[in-house]
C-alpha atoms as a PDB file:
ATOM      1  CA  UNK A   1      15.477 -56.019  93.851  1.00  0.00           C
ATOM      2  CA  UNK A   2      15.092 -57.475  97.307  1.00  0.00           C
ATOM      3  CA  UNK A   3      17.845 -59.587  98.812  1.00  0.00           C
ATOM      4  CA  UNK A   4      15.916 -62.893  98.602  1.00  0.00           C
ATOM      5  CA  UNK A   5      15.296 -62.492  94.866  1.00  0.00           C
ATOM      6  CA  UNK A   6      18.886 -61.406  94.339  1.00  0.00           C
ATOM      7  CA  UNK A   7      20.130 -64.521  96.140  1.00  0.00           C
ATOM      8  CA  UNK A   8      17.923 -66.646  93.903  1.00  0.00           C
ATOM      9  CA  UNK A   9      18.864 -65.049  90.583  1.00  0.00           C
ATOM     10  CA  UNK A  10      22.634 -64.689  91.027  1.00  0.00           C
ATOM     11  CA  UNK A  11      23.322 -68.455  90.914  1.00  0.00           C
ATOM     12  CA  UNK A  12      21.014 -68.766  87.913  1.00  0.00           C
ATOM     13  CA  UNK A  13      22.953 -66.072  86.083  1.00  0.00           C
ATOM     14  CA  UNK A  14      26.229 -67.825  86.858  1.00  0.00           C
ATOM     15  CA  UNK A  15      24.915 -71.143  85.554  1.00  0.00           C
ATOM     16  CA  UNK A  16      23.595 -69.432  82.405  1.00  0.00           C
ATOM     17  CA  UNK A  17      26.960 -67.804  81.733  1.00  0.00           C
ATOM     18  CA  UNK A  18      28.738 -71.136  82.131  1.00  0.00           C
ATOM     19  CA  UNK A  19      26.286 -72.876  79.806  1.00  0.00           C
ATOM     20  CA  UNK A  20      26.824 -70.211  77.161  1.00  0.00           C
ATOM     21  CA  UNK A  21      30.620 -70.558  77.367  1.00  0.00           C
ATOM     22  CA  UNK A  22      30.678 -74.356  77.436  1.00  0.00           C
ATOM     23  CA  UNK A  23      29.933 -75.082  73.720  1.00  0.00           C
ATOM     24  CA  UNK A  24      33.099 -73.267  72.571  1.00  0.00           C
ATOM     25  CA  UNK A  25      35.232 -74.900  75.203  1.00  0.00           C
ATOM     26  CA  UNK A  26      33.693 -78.302  74.547  1.00  0.00           C
ATOM     27  CA  UNK A  27      34.005 -77.980  70.767  1.00  0.00           C
ATOM     28  CA  UNK A  28      37.638 -76.966  70.948  1.00  0.00           C
ATOM     29  CA  UNK A  29      38.258 -79.976  73.187  1.00  0.00           C
ATOM     30  CA  UNK A  30      36.529 -82.207  70.615  1.00  0.00           C
ATOM     31  CA  UNK A  31      38.893 -80.958  67.883  1.00  0.00           C
ATOM     32  CA  UNK A  32      41.883 -81.699  70.091  1.00  0.00           C
ATOM     33  CA  UNK A  33      40.584 -85.128  71.124  1.00  0.00           C
ATOM     34  CA  UNK A  34      39.939 -86.094  67.478  1.00  0.00           C
ATOM     35  CA  UNK A  35      43.537 -85.051  66.690  1.00  0.00           C
ATOM     36  CA  UNK A  36      42.451 -82.509  64.074  1.00  0.00           C
ATOM     37  CA  UNK A  37      45.149 -80.285  65.559  1.00  0.00           C
ATOM     38  CA  UNK A  38      47.795 -82.530  64.028  1.00  0.00           C
ATOM     39  CA  UNK A  39      47.071 -80.796  60.705  1.00  0.00           C
ATOM     40  CA  UNK A  40      45.084 -77.655  61.636  1.00  0.00           C
ATOM     41  CA  UNK A  41      45.409 -74.701  63.992  1.00  0.00           C
ATOM     42  CA  UNK A  42      43.005 -71.893  64.749  1.00  0.00           C
ATOM     43  CA  UNK A  43      44.903 -69.099  63.050  1.00  0.00           C
ATOM     44  CA  UNK A  44      47.818 -70.453  60.996  1.00  0.00           C
ATOM     45  CA  UNK A  45      48.105 -72.844  58.072  1.00  0.00           C
ATOM     46  CA  UNK A  46      49.791 -76.087  59.011  1.00  0.00           C
ATOM     47  CA  UNK A  47      49.273 -79.135  56.777  1.00  0.00           C
ATOM     48  CA  UNK A  48      45.681 -78.031  56.260  1.00  0.00           C
ATOM     49  CA  UNK A  49      44.079 -74.604  56.406  1.00  0.00           C
ATOM     50  CA  UNK A  50      43.650 -72.580  59.579  1.00  0.00           C
ATOM     51  CA  UNK A  51      40.184 -72.892  61.077  1.00  0.00           C
ATOM     52  CA  UNK A  52      39.749 -69.110  60.797  1.00  0.00           C
ATOM     53  CA  UNK A  53      40.448 -69.328  57.057  1.00  0.00           C
ATOM     54  CA  UNK A  54      37.792 -72.026  56.744  1.00  0.00           C
ATOM     55  CA  UNK A  55      35.337 -69.830  58.659  1.00  0.00           C
ATOM     56  CA  UNK A  56      36.106 -66.876  56.382  1.00  0.00           C
ATOM     57  CA  UNK A  57      35.729 -68.919  53.192  1.00  0.00           C
ATOM     58  CA  UNK A  58      32.335 -70.301  54.201  1.00  0.00           C
ATOM     59  CA  UNK A  59      30.927 -67.246  56.014  1.00  0.00           C
ATOM     60  CA  UNK A  60      27.379 -66.630  54.836  1.00  0.00           C
ATOM     61  CA  UNK A  61      27.064 -70.045  53.175  1.00  0.00           C
ATOM     62  CA  UNK A  62      24.008 -71.708  54.706  1.00  0.00           C
ATOM     63  CA  UNK A  63      25.115 -75.076  53.341  1.00  0.00           C
ATOM     64  CA  UNK A  64      28.587 -74.885  54.886  1.00  0.00           C
ATOM     65  CA  UNK A  65      27.912 -77.105  57.917  1.00  0.00           C
ATOM     66  CA  UNK A  66      26.723 -79.966  55.711  1.00  0.00           C
ATOM     67  CA  UNK A  67      29.526 -79.446  53.175  1.00  0.00           C
ATOM     68  CA  UNK A  68      32.233 -79.469  55.825  1.00  0.00           C
ATOM     69  CA  UNK A  69      30.708 -82.437  57.638  1.00  0.00           C
ATOM     70  CA  UNK A  70      30.758 -84.412  54.370  1.00  0.00           C
ATOM     71  CA  UNK A  71      34.282 -83.227  53.543  1.00  0.00           C
ATOM     72  CA  UNK A  72      35.663 -84.419  56.881  1.00  0.00           C
ATOM     73  CA  UNK A  73      33.915 -87.768  56.549  1.00  0.00           C
ATOM     74  CA  UNK A  74      35.024 -88.386  52.937  1.00  0.00           C
ATOM     75  CA  UNK A  75      38.397 -86.648  52.980  1.00  0.00           C
ATOM     76  CA  UNK A  76      39.857 -85.309  49.755  1.00  0.00           C
ATOM     77  CA  UNK A  77      42.191 -82.701  48.302  1.00  0.00           C
ATOM     78  CA  UNK A  78      42.275 -79.758  45.975  1.00  0.00           C
ATOM     79  CA  UNK A  79      40.312 -77.173  47.965  1.00  0.00           C
ATOM     80  CA  UNK A  80      43.240 -75.969  50.077  1.00  0.00           C
ATOM     81  CA  UNK A  81      46.249 -77.476  48.329  1.00  0.00           C
ATOM     82  CA  UNK A  82      47.507 -80.795  47.118  1.00  0.00           C
ATOM     83  CA  UNK A  83      47.988 -82.561  50.447  1.00  0.00           C
ATOM     84  CA  UNK A  84      44.931 -84.784  50.891  1.00  0.00           C
ATOM     85  CA  UNK A  85      42.884 -84.847  54.050  1.00  0.00           C
ATOM     86  CA  UNK A  86      42.279 -88.414  55.103  1.00  0.00           C
ATOM     87  CA  UNK A  87      38.674 -89.503  55.694  1.00  0.00           C
ATOM     88  CA  UNK A  88      37.561 -89.364  59.315  1.00  0.00           C
ATOM     89  CA  UNK A  89      34.932 -91.964  60.153  1.00  0.00           C
ATOM     90  CA  UNK A  90      32.808 -92.331  63.235  1.00  0.00           C
ATOM     91  CA  UNK A  91      35.603 -94.365  64.809  1.00  0.00           C
ATOM     92  CA  UNK A  92      37.630 -91.115  64.934  1.00  0.00           C
ATOM     93  CA  UNK A  93      34.870 -88.587  65.705  1.00  0.00           C
ATOM     94  CA  UNK A  94      31.157 -89.139  66.315  1.00  0.00           C
ATOM     95  CA  UNK A  95      28.521 -87.409  64.205  1.00  0.00           C
ATOM     96  CA  UNK A  96      27.479 -85.196  67.138  1.00  0.00           C
ATOM     97  CA  UNK A  97      31.072 -84.239  67.927  1.00  0.00           C
ATOM     98  CA  UNK A  98      31.810 -83.496  64.278  1.00  0.00           C
ATOM     99  CA  UNK A  99      28.726 -81.290  64.006  1.00  0.00           C
ATOM    100  CA  UNK A 100      29.792 -79.410  67.161  1.00  0.00           C
ATOM    101  CA  UNK A 101      33.346 -78.999  65.847  1.00  0.00           C
ATOM    102  CA  UNK A 102      32.144 -77.671  62.485  1.00  0.00           C
ATOM    103  CA  UNK A 103      29.803 -75.244  64.224  1.00  0.00           C
ATOM    104  CA  UNK A 104      32.686 -74.016  66.410  1.00  0.00           C
ATOM    105  CA  UNK A 105      35.012 -73.590  63.406  1.00  0.00           C
ATOM    106  CA  UNK A 106      32.413 -71.673  61.394  1.00  0.00           C
ATOM    107  CA  UNK A 107      31.790 -69.322  64.321  1.00  0.00           C
ATOM    108  CA  UNK A 108      35.425 -68.214  64.523  1.00  0.00           C
ATOM    109  CA  UNK A 109      36.143 -64.589  63.646  1.00  0.00           C
END
């Protein structure tokens, strides 16, 4: 590849790599901002289940994003223990942020 093309493509590759990494970083920040971390962690049960346990439970379930979105909005108990999860309305987390957070959680290994 000639030097002019290389100089053109290298910044594009850097921007592409950043864009690919940003959703995970942004989604984790959303979870922290919405204070979900008061009851959940990535890899250990706290008051509620670990995000990785949620990802494992719903892996392969095409309806999981909608189910989890509804569960966060409505709250409830019984799926992971007796301690209820309080409902989280749009005053706590927007629809777009909640969708991004659910997508991030379900992608965890």
